[in-house]
């Protein structure tokens, strides 16, 4: 099927740049990523991911991680399991 429809959307420049950088690492274009999103939404008859409002604990955890607080840095998987006591 030929690509003849156009999508126009306004998004934050940083969000666009970050996403396109990720797509580049994955070896796909923004057009391919959007096409995959549309195909998955069509196949699932809804969004291809859960849309939820984080609870208070999750929100605080996101804020801490984003600000670099309360992080435990591990050298590798073995170090992580050791710190977890596994």
PDB file of N, CA and C in Angstrom:
ATOM      1  N   UNK A   1       0.837  -1.167   0.000  1.00  0.00           N
ATOM      2  CA  UNK A   1       0.000   0.000   0.000  1.00  0.00           C
ATOM      3  C   UNK A   1       0.895   1.247   0.000  1.00  0.00           C
ATOM      4  N   UNK A   2       0.562   2.190  -0.836  1.00  0.00           N
ATOM      5  CA  UNK A   2       1.408   3.387  -0.931  1.00  0.00           C
ATOM      6  C   UNK A   2       1.118   4.349   0.211  1.00  0.00           C
ATOM      7  N   UNK A   3       2.123   5.100   0.559  1.00  0.00           N
ATOM      8  CA  UNK A   3       1.981   6.074   1.631  1.00  0.00           C
ATOM      9  C   UNK A   3       1.542   7.401   1.019  1.00  0.00           C
ATOM     10  N   UNK A   4       0.281   7.746   1.217  1.00  0.00           N
ATOM     11  CA  UNK A   4      -0.228   8.976   0.623  1.00  0.00           C
ATOM     12  C   UNK A   4      -0.857   9.911   1.638  1.00  0.00           C
ATOM     13  N   UNK A   5      -1.031   9.494   2.873  1.00  0.00           N
ATOM     14  CA  UNK A   5      -1.629  10.350   3.894  1.00  0.00           C
ATOM     15  C   UNK A   5      -0.528  11.052   4.684  1.00  0.00           C
ATOM     16  N   UNK A   6      -0.846  12.241   5.151  1.00  0.00           N
ATOM     17  CA  UNK A   6       0.117  13.043   5.903  1.00  0.00           C
ATOM     18  C   UNK A   6      -0.417  13.287   7.305  1.00  0.00           C
ATOM     19  N   UNK A   7       0.477  13.243   8.277  1.00  0.00           N
ATOM     20  CA  UNK A   7       0.141  13.558   9.670  1.00  0.00           C
ATOM     21  C   UNK A   7       0.957  14.782  10.047  1.00  0.00           C
ATOM     22  N   UNK A   8       0.290  15.760  10.655  1.00  0.00           N
ATOM     23  CA  UNK A   8       0.993  16.937  11.163  1.00  0.00           C
ATOM     24  C   UNK A   8       0.677  17.065  12.639  1.00  0.00           C
ATOM     25  N   UNK A   9       1.711  17.256  13.438  1.00  0.00           N
ATOM     26  CA  UNK A   9       1.507  17.411  14.876  1.00  0.00           C
ATOM     27  C   UNK A   9       2.571  18.350  15.424  1.00  0.00           C
ATOM     28  N   UNK A  10       2.210  19.095  16.423  1.00  0.00           N
ATOM     29  CA  UNK A  10       3.168  19.962  17.104  1.00  0.00           C
ATOM     30  C   UNK A  10       3.531  19.309  18.425  1.00  0.00           C
ATOM     31  N   UNK A  11       4.832  19.146  18.649  1.00  0.00           N
ATOM     32  CA  UNK A  11       5.311  18.581  19.905  1.00  0.00           C
ATOM     33  C   UNK A  11       6.506  19.398  20.380  1.00  0.00           C
ATOM     34  N   UNK A  12       6.876  19.185  21.627  1.00  0.00           N
ATOM     35  CA  UNK A  12       8.017  19.897  22.190  1.00  0.00           C
ATOM     36  C   UNK A  12       9.287  19.504  21.440  1.00  0.00           C
ATOM     37  N   UNK A  13      10.125  20.473  21.079  1.00  0.00           N
ATOM     38  CA  UNK A  13      11.357  20.168  20.339  1.00  0.00           C
ATOM     39  C   UNK A  13      12.262  19.154  21.042  1.00  0.00           C
ATOM     40  N   UNK A  14      12.418  19.267  22.378  1.00  0.00           N
ATOM     41  CA  UNK A  14      13.276  18.318  23.097  1.00  0.00           C
ATOM     42  C   UNK A  14      12.721  16.903  23.023  1.00  0.00           C
ATOM     43  N   UNK A  15      11.397  16.764  23.144  1.00  0.00           N
ATOM     44  CA  UNK A  15      10.772  15.446  23.049  1.00  0.00           C
ATOM     45  C   UNK A  15      11.008  14.856  21.660  1.00  0.00           C
ATOM     46  N   UNK A  16      10.842  15.666  20.627  1.00  0.00           N
ATOM     47  CA  UNK A  16      11.067  15.218  19.255  1.00  0.00           C
ATOM     48  C   UNK A  16      12.521  14.769  19.073  1.00  0.00           C
ATOM     49  N   UNK A  17      13.460  15.591  19.525  1.00  0.00           N
ATOM     50  CA  UNK A  17      14.881  15.263  19.360  1.00  0.00           C
ATOM     51  C   UNK A  17      15.262  13.998  20.118  1.00  0.00           C
ATOM     52  N   UNK A  18      14.776  13.870  21.366  1.00  0.00           N
ATOM     53  CA  UNK A  18      15.094  12.680  22.160  1.00  0.00           C
ATOM     54  C   UNK A  18      14.527  11.420  21.516  1.00  0.00           C
ATOM     55  N   UNK A  19      13.287  11.501  21.060  1.00  0.00           N
ATOM     56  CA  UNK A  19      12.659  10.334  20.428  1.00  0.00           C
ATOM     57  C   UNK A  19      13.378   9.981  19.129  1.00  0.00           C
ATOM     58  N   UNK A  20      13.692  10.960  18.306  1.00  0.00           N
ATOM     59  CA  UNK A  20      14.361  10.678  17.039  1.00  0.00           C
ATOM     60  C   UNK A  20      15.768  10.137  17.254  1.00  0.00           C
ATOM     61  N   UNK A  21      16.432  10.565  18.323  1.00  0.00           N
ATOM     62  CA  UNK A  21      17.744  10.008  18.664  1.00  0.00           C
ATOM     63  C   UNK A  21      17.595   8.525  19.003  1.00  0.00           C
ATOM     64  N   UNK A  22      16.573   8.204  19.793  1.00  0.00           N
ATOM     65  CA  UNK A  22      16.289   6.809  20.132  1.00  0.00           C
ATOM     66  C   UNK A  22      15.959   6.002  18.873  1.00  0.00           C
ATOM     67  N   UNK A  23      15.121   6.556  18.001  1.00  0.00           N
ATOM     68  CA  UNK A  23      14.766   5.854  16.758  1.00  0.00           C
ATOM     69  C   UNK A  23      16.013   5.573  15.922  1.00  0.00           C
ATOM     70  N   UNK A  24      16.916   6.553  15.872  1.00  0.00           N
ATOM     71  CA  UNK A  24      18.163   6.371  15.119  1.00  0.00           C
ATOM     72  C   UNK A  24      18.966   5.196  15.683  1.00  0.00           C
ATOM     73  N   UNK A  25      19.049   5.127  17.029  1.00  0.00           N
ATOM     74  CA  UNK A  25      19.755   4.011  17.667  1.00  0.00           C
ATOM     75  C   UNK A  25      19.106   2.676  17.320  1.00  0.00           C
ATOM     76  N   UNK A  26      17.781   2.687  17.166  1.00  0.00           N
ATOM     77  CA  UNK A  26      17.045   1.463  16.819  1.00  0.00           C
ATOM     78  C   UNK A  26      17.088   1.162  15.325  1.00  0.00           C
ATOM     79  N   UNK A  27      17.599   2.114  14.540  1.00  0.00           N
ATOM     80  CA  UNK A  27      17.698   1.911  13.096  1.00  0.00           C
ATOM     81  C   UNK A  27      16.386   2.133  12.356  1.00  0.00           C
ATOM     82  N   UNK A  28      15.502   2.966  12.931  1.00  0.00           N
ATOM     83  CA  UNK A  28      14.236   3.262  12.269  1.00  0.00           C
ATOM     84  C   UNK A  28      14.049   4.768  12.170  1.00  0.00           C
ATOM     85  N   UNK A  29      13.209   5.167  11.237  1.00  0.00           N
ATOM     86  CA  UNK A  29      12.899   6.587  11.067  1.00  0.00           C
ATOM     87  C   UNK A  29      11.683   6.946  11.910  1.00  0.00           C
ATOM     88  N   UNK A  30      11.432   8.243  12.046  1.00  0.00           N
ATOM     89  CA  UNK A  30      10.237   8.696  12.753  1.00  0.00           C
ATOM     90  C   UNK A  30       8.986   8.188  12.036  1.00  0.00           C
ATOM     91  N   UNK A  31       9.006   8.189  10.721  1.00  0.00           N
ATOM     92  CA  UNK A  31       7.868   7.677   9.947  1.00  0.00           C
ATOM     93  C   UNK A  31       7.615   6.211  10.260  1.00  0.00           C
ATOM     94  N   UNK A  32       8.672   5.415  10.334  1.00  0.00           N
ATOM     95  CA  UNK A  32       8.514   3.998  10.658  1.00  0.00           C
ATOM     96  C   UNK A  32       7.978   3.815  12.079  1.00  0.00           C
ATOM     97  N   UNK A  33       8.451   4.629  13.020  1.00  0.00           N
ATOM     98  CA  UNK A  33       7.982   4.538  14.407  1.00  0.00           C
ATOM     99  C   UNK A  33       6.493   4.891  14.488  1.00  0.00           C
ATOM    100  N   UNK A  34       6.093   5.934  13.806  1.00  0.00           N
ATOM    101  CA  UNK A  34       4.684   6.334  13.802  1.00  0.00           C
ATOM    102  C   UNK A  34       3.830   5.249  13.150  1.00  0.00           C
ATOM    103  N   UNK A  35       4.326   4.679  12.062  1.00  0.00           N
ATOM    104  CA  UNK A  35       3.602   3.599  11.386  1.00  0.00           C
ATOM    105  C   UNK A  35       3.433   2.406  12.321  1.00  0.00           C
ATOM    106  N   UNK A  36       4.484   2.043  13.060  1.00  0.00           N
ATOM    107  CA  UNK A  36       4.381   0.929  14.008  1.00  0.00           C
ATOM    108  C   UNK A  36       3.348   1.235  15.092  1.00  0.00           C
ATOM    109  N   UNK A  37       3.347   2.473  15.584  1.00  0.00           N
ATOM    110  CA  UNK A  37       2.368   2.867  16.595  1.00  0.00           C
ATOM    111  C   UNK A  37       0.955   2.707  16.048  1.00  0.00           C
ATOM    112  N   UNK A  38       0.696   3.211  14.855  1.00  0.00           N
ATOM    113  CA  UNK A  38      -0.632   3.111  14.244  1.00  0.00           C
ATOM    114  C   UNK A  38      -1.022   1.653  14.007  1.00  0.00           C
ATOM    115  N   UNK A  39      -0.079   0.836  13.537  1.00  0.00           N
ATOM    116  CA  UNK A  39      -0.388  -0.585  13.296  1.00  0.00           C
ATOM    117  C   UNK A  39      -0.731  -1.300  14.598  1.00  0.00           C
ATOM    118  N   UNK A  40       0.046  -1.044  15.651  1.00  0.00           N
ATOM    119  CA  UNK A  40      -0.227  -1.676  16.938  1.00  0.00           C
ATOM    120  C   UNK A  40      -1.561  -1.202  17.513  1.00  0.00           C
ATOM    121  N   UNK A  41      -1.858   0.077  17.399  1.00  0.00           N
ATOM    122  CA  UNK A  41      -3.142   0.601  17.886  1.00  0.00           C
ATOM    123  C   UNK A  41      -4.294  -0.062  17.135  1.00  0.00           C
ATOM    124  N   UNK A  42      -4.127  -0.247  15.842  1.00  0.00           N
ATOM    125  CA  UNK A  42      -5.162  -0.889  15.034  1.00  0.00           C
ATOM    126  C   UNK A  42      -5.324  -2.356  15.425  1.00  0.00           C
ATOM    127  N   UNK A  43      -4.215  -3.077  15.556  1.00  0.00           N
ATOM    128  CA  UNK A  43      -4.272  -4.492  15.919  1.00  0.00           C
ATOM    129  C   UNK A  43      -4.879  -4.707  17.304  1.00  0.00           C
ATOM    130  N   UNK A  44      -4.534  -3.835  18.249  1.00  0.00           N
ATOM    131  CA  UNK A  44      -5.001  -3.998  19.627  1.00  0.00           C
ATOM    132  C   UNK A  44      -6.345  -3.326  19.876  1.00  0.00           C
ATOM    133  N   UNK A  45      -6.792  -2.567  18.876  1.00  0.00           N
ATOM    134  CA  UNK A  45      -8.045  -1.807  19.002  1.00  0.00           C
ATOM    135  C   UNK A  45      -7.997  -0.866  20.213  1.00  0.00           C
ATOM    136  N   UNK A  46      -6.862  -0.221  20.361  1.00  0.00           N
ATOM    137  CA  UNK A  46      -6.639   0.716  21.458  1.00  0.00           C
ATOM    138  C   UNK A  46      -5.173   1.100  21.493  1.00  0.00           C
ATOM    139  N   UNK A  47      -4.800   1.853  22.489  1.00  0.00           N
ATOM    140  CA  UNK A  47      -3.394   2.243  22.610  1.00  0.00           C
ATOM    141  C   UNK A  47      -2.538   1.007  22.891  1.00  0.00           C
ATOM    142  N   UNK A  48      -1.339   0.953  22.309  1.00  0.00           N
ATOM    143  CA  UNK A  48      -0.495  -0.231  22.487  1.00  0.00           C
ATOM    144  C   UNK A  48       0.302  -0.229  23.795  1.00  0.00           C
ATOM    145  N   UNK A  49      -0.158   0.506  24.771  1.00  0.00           N
ATOM    146  CA  UNK A  49       0.481   0.548  26.085  1.00  0.00           C
ATOM    147  C   UNK A  49      -0.568   0.993  27.091  1.00  0.00           C
ATOM    148  N   UNK A  50      -0.333   0.687  28.363  1.00  0.00           N
ATOM    149  CA  UNK A  50      -1.249   1.108  29.413  1.00  0.00           C
ATOM    150  C   UNK A  50      -1.103   2.602  29.655  1.00  0.00           C
ATOM    151  N   UNK A  51      -2.220   3.278  29.811  1.00  0.00           N
ATOM    152  CA  UNK A  51      -2.216   4.686  30.172  1.00  0.00           C
ATOM    153  C   UNK A  51      -2.797   4.776  31.577  1.00  0.00           C
ATOM    154  N   UNK A  52      -1.947   5.160  32.522  1.00  0.00           N
ATOM    155  CA  UNK A  52      -2.372   5.206  33.920  1.00  0.00           C
ATOM    156  C   UNK A  52      -1.822   6.466  34.582  1.00  0.00           C
ATOM    157  N   UNK A  53      -2.474   6.873  35.618  1.00  0.00           N
ATOM    158  CA  UNK A  53      -1.973   7.972  36.442  1.00  0.00           C
ATOM    159  C   UNK A  53      -1.200   7.333  37.585  1.00  0.00           C
ATOM    160  N   UNK A  54       0.103   7.633  37.715  1.00  0.00           N
ATOM    161  CA  UNK A  54       0.903   6.986  38.762  1.00  0.00           C
ATOM    162  C   UNK A  54       0.374   7.319  40.154  1.00  0.00           C
ATOM    163  N   UNK A  55       0.468   6.340  41.060  1.00  0.00           N
ATOM    164  CA  UNK A  55       0.084   6.612  42.444  1.00  0.00           C
ATOM    165  C   UNK A  55       1.162   7.476  43.098  1.00  0.00           C
ATOM    166  N   UNK A  56       0.908   7.891  44.324  1.00  0.00           N
ATOM    167  CA  UNK A  56       1.818   8.820  45.007  1.00  0.00           C
ATOM    168  C   UNK A  56       3.227   8.244  45.170  1.00  0.00           C
ATOM    169  N   UNK A  57       3.330   6.972  45.517  1.00  0.00           N
ATOM    170  CA  UNK A  57       4.645   6.335  45.698  1.00  0.00           C
ATOM    171  C   UNK A  57       5.412   6.321  44.381  1.00  0.00           C
ATOM    172  N   UNK A  58       4.744   5.940  43.302  1.00  0.00           N
ATOM    173  CA  UNK A  58       5.398   5.888  41.990  1.00  0.00           C
ATOM    174  C   UNK A  58       5.810   7.283  41.544  1.00  0.00           C
ATOM    175  N   UNK A  59       4.936   8.277  41.755  1.00  0.00           N
ATOM    176  CA  UNK A  59       5.252   9.651  41.363  1.00  0.00           C
ATOM    177  C   UNK A  59       6.483  10.155  42.108  1.00  0.00           C
ATOM    178  N   UNK A  60       6.560   9.890  43.409  1.00  0.00           N
ATOM    179  CA  UNK A  60       7.723  10.323  44.198  1.00  0.00           C
ATOM    180  C   UNK A  60       8.990   9.598  43.743  1.00  0.00           C
ATOM    181  N   UNK A  61       8.858   8.335  43.395  1.00  0.00           N
ATOM    182  CA  UNK A  61      10.006   7.566  42.905  1.00  0.00           C
ATOM    183  C   UNK A  61      10.512   8.148  41.587  1.00  0.00           C
ATOM    184  N   UNK A  62       9.599   8.486  40.674  1.00  0.00           N
ATOM    185  CA  UNK A  62       9.986   9.117  39.404  1.00  0.00           C
ATOM    186  C   UNK A  62      10.711  10.433  39.669  1.00  0.00           C
ATOM    187  N   UNK A  63      10.165  11.249  40.571  1.00  0.00           N
ATOM    188  CA  UNK A  63      10.778  12.546  40.867  1.00  0.00           C
ATOM    189  C   UNK A  63      12.177  12.369  41.456  1.00  0.00           C
ATOM    190  N   UNK A  64      12.325  11.409  42.357  1.00  0.00           N
ATOM    191  CA  UNK A  64      13.639  11.149  42.955  1.00  0.00           C
ATOM    192  C   UNK A  64      14.633  10.693  41.901  1.00  0.00           C
ATOM    193  N   UNK A  65      14.219   9.771  41.051  1.00  0.00           N
ATOM    194  CA  UNK A  65      15.115   9.261  40.006  1.00  0.00           C
ATOM    195  C   UNK A  65      15.489  10.370  39.026  1.00  0.00           C
ATOM    196  N   UNK A  66      14.499  11.185  38.630  1.00  0.00           N
ATOM    197  CA  UNK A  66      14.768  12.275  37.687  1.00  0.00           C
ATOM    198  C   UNK A  66      15.755  13.285  38.250  1.00  0.00           C
ATOM    199  N   UNK A  67      15.714  13.488  39.572  1.00  0.00           N
ATOM    200  CA  UNK A  67      16.617  14.457  40.190  1.00  0.00           C
ATOM    201  C   UNK A  67      17.930  13.820  40.650  1.00  0.00           C
ATOM    202  N   UNK A  68      18.038  12.492  40.500  1.00  0.00           N
ATOM    203  CA  UNK A  68      19.275  11.804  40.871  1.00  0.00           C
ATOM    204  C   UNK A  68      19.385  11.471  42.342  1.00  0.00           C
ATOM    205  N   UNK A  69      18.270  11.575  43.083  1.00  0.00           N
ATOM    206  CA  UNK A  69      18.281  11.259  44.517  1.00  0.00           C
ATOM    207  C   UNK A  69      17.950   9.790  44.743  1.00  0.00           C
ATOM    208  N   UNK A  70      18.491   9.254  45.826  1.00  0.00           N
ATOM    209  CA  UNK A  70      18.158   7.898  46.288  1.00  0.00           C
ATOM    210  C   UNK A  70      18.445   6.813  45.242  1.00  0.00           C
ATOM    211  N   UNK A  71      19.442   7.027  44.405  1.00  0.00           N
ATOM    212  CA  UNK A  71      19.798   6.031  43.401  1.00  0.00           C
ATOM    213  C   UNK A  71      20.863   5.086  43.951  1.00  0.00           C
ATOM    214  N   UNK A  72      20.757   3.838  43.600  1.00  0.00           N
ATOM    215  CA  UNK A  72      21.778   2.855  43.946  1.00  0.00           C
ATOM    216  C   UNK A  72      22.436   2.438  42.641  1.00  0.00           C
ATOM    217  N   UNK A  73      23.703   2.744  42.506  1.00  0.00           N
ATOM    218  CA  UNK A  73      24.438   2.461  41.275  1.00  0.00           C
ATOM    219  C   UNK A  73      25.149   1.127  41.416  1.00  0.00           C
ATOM    220  N   UNK A  74      25.007   0.287  40.405  1.00  0.00           N
ATOM    221  CA  UNK A  74      25.628  -1.030  40.409  1.00  0.00           C
ATOM    222  C   UNK A  74      26.625  -1.128  39.260  1.00  0.00           C
ATOM    223  N   UNK A  75      27.736  -1.844  39.519  1.00  0.00           N
ATOM    224  CA  UNK A  75      28.755  -2.026  38.478  1.00  0.00           C
ATOM    225  C   UNK A  75      28.256  -2.951  37.374  1.00  0.00           C
ATOM    226  N   UNK A  76      27.514  -3.962  37.769  1.00  0.00           N
ATOM    227  CA  UNK A  76      27.019  -4.958  36.809  1.00  0.00           C
ATOM    228  C   UNK A  76      25.885  -5.736  37.477  1.00  0.00           C
ATOM    229  N   UNK A  77      25.364  -6.745  36.775  1.00  0.00           N
ATOM    230  CA  UNK A  77      24.244  -7.523  37.299  1.00  0.00           C
ATOM    231  C   UNK A  77      24.608  -8.232  38.598  1.00  0.00           C
ATOM    232  N   UNK A  78      25.817  -8.771  38.683  1.00  0.00           N
ATOM    233  CA  UNK A  78      26.240  -9.456  39.915  1.00  0.00           C
ATOM    234  C   UNK A  78      26.220  -8.497  41.104  1.00  0.00           C
ATOM    235  N   UNK A  79      26.719  -7.288  40.886  1.00  0.00           N
ATOM    236  CA  UNK A  79      26.723  -6.283  41.942  1.00  0.00           C
ATOM    237  C   UNK A  79      25.292  -5.925  42.349  1.00  0.00           C
ATOM    238  N   UNK A  80      24.399  -5.826  41.365  1.00  0.00           N
ATOM    239  CA  UNK A  80      22.999  -5.504  41.654  1.00  0.00           C
ATOM    240  C   UNK A  80      22.375  -6.600  42.514  1.00  0.00           C
ATOM    241  N   UNK A  81      22.564  -7.868  42.120  1.00  0.00           N
ATOM    242  CA  UNK A  81      21.983  -8.966  42.893  1.00  0.00           C
ATOM    243  C   UNK A  81      22.560  -9.006  44.310  1.00  0.00           C
ATOM    244  N   UNK A  82      23.841  -8.723  44.444  1.00  0.00           N
ATOM    245  CA  UNK A  82      24.478  -8.705  45.757  1.00  0.00           C
ATOM    246  C   UNK A  82      23.829  -7.627  46.629  1.00  0.00           C
ATOM    247  N   UNK A  83      23.624  -6.421  46.060  1.00  0.00           N
ATOM    248  CA  UNK A  83      23.014  -5.326  46.817  1.00  0.00           C
ATOM    249  C   UNK A  83      21.561  -5.619  47.147  1.00  0.00           C
ATOM    250  N   UNK A  84      20.902  -6.404  46.312  1.00  0.00           N
ATOM    251  CA  UNK A  84      19.516  -6.796  46.576  1.00  0.00           C
ATOM    252  C   UNK A  84      19.423  -7.965  47.546  1.00  0.00           C
ATOM    253  N   UNK A  85      20.563  -8.600  47.839  1.00  0.00           N
ATOM    254  CA  UNK A  85      20.576  -9.724  48.749  1.00  0.00           C
ATOM    255  C   UNK A  85      20.079 -11.019  48.117  1.00  0.00           C
ATOM    256  N   UNK A  86      20.223 -11.082  46.817  1.00  0.00           N
ATOM    257  CA  UNK A  86      19.767 -12.271  46.083  1.00  0.00           C
ATOM    258  C   UNK A  86      20.948 -13.158  45.750  1.00  0.00           C
TER     259      UNK A  86
END
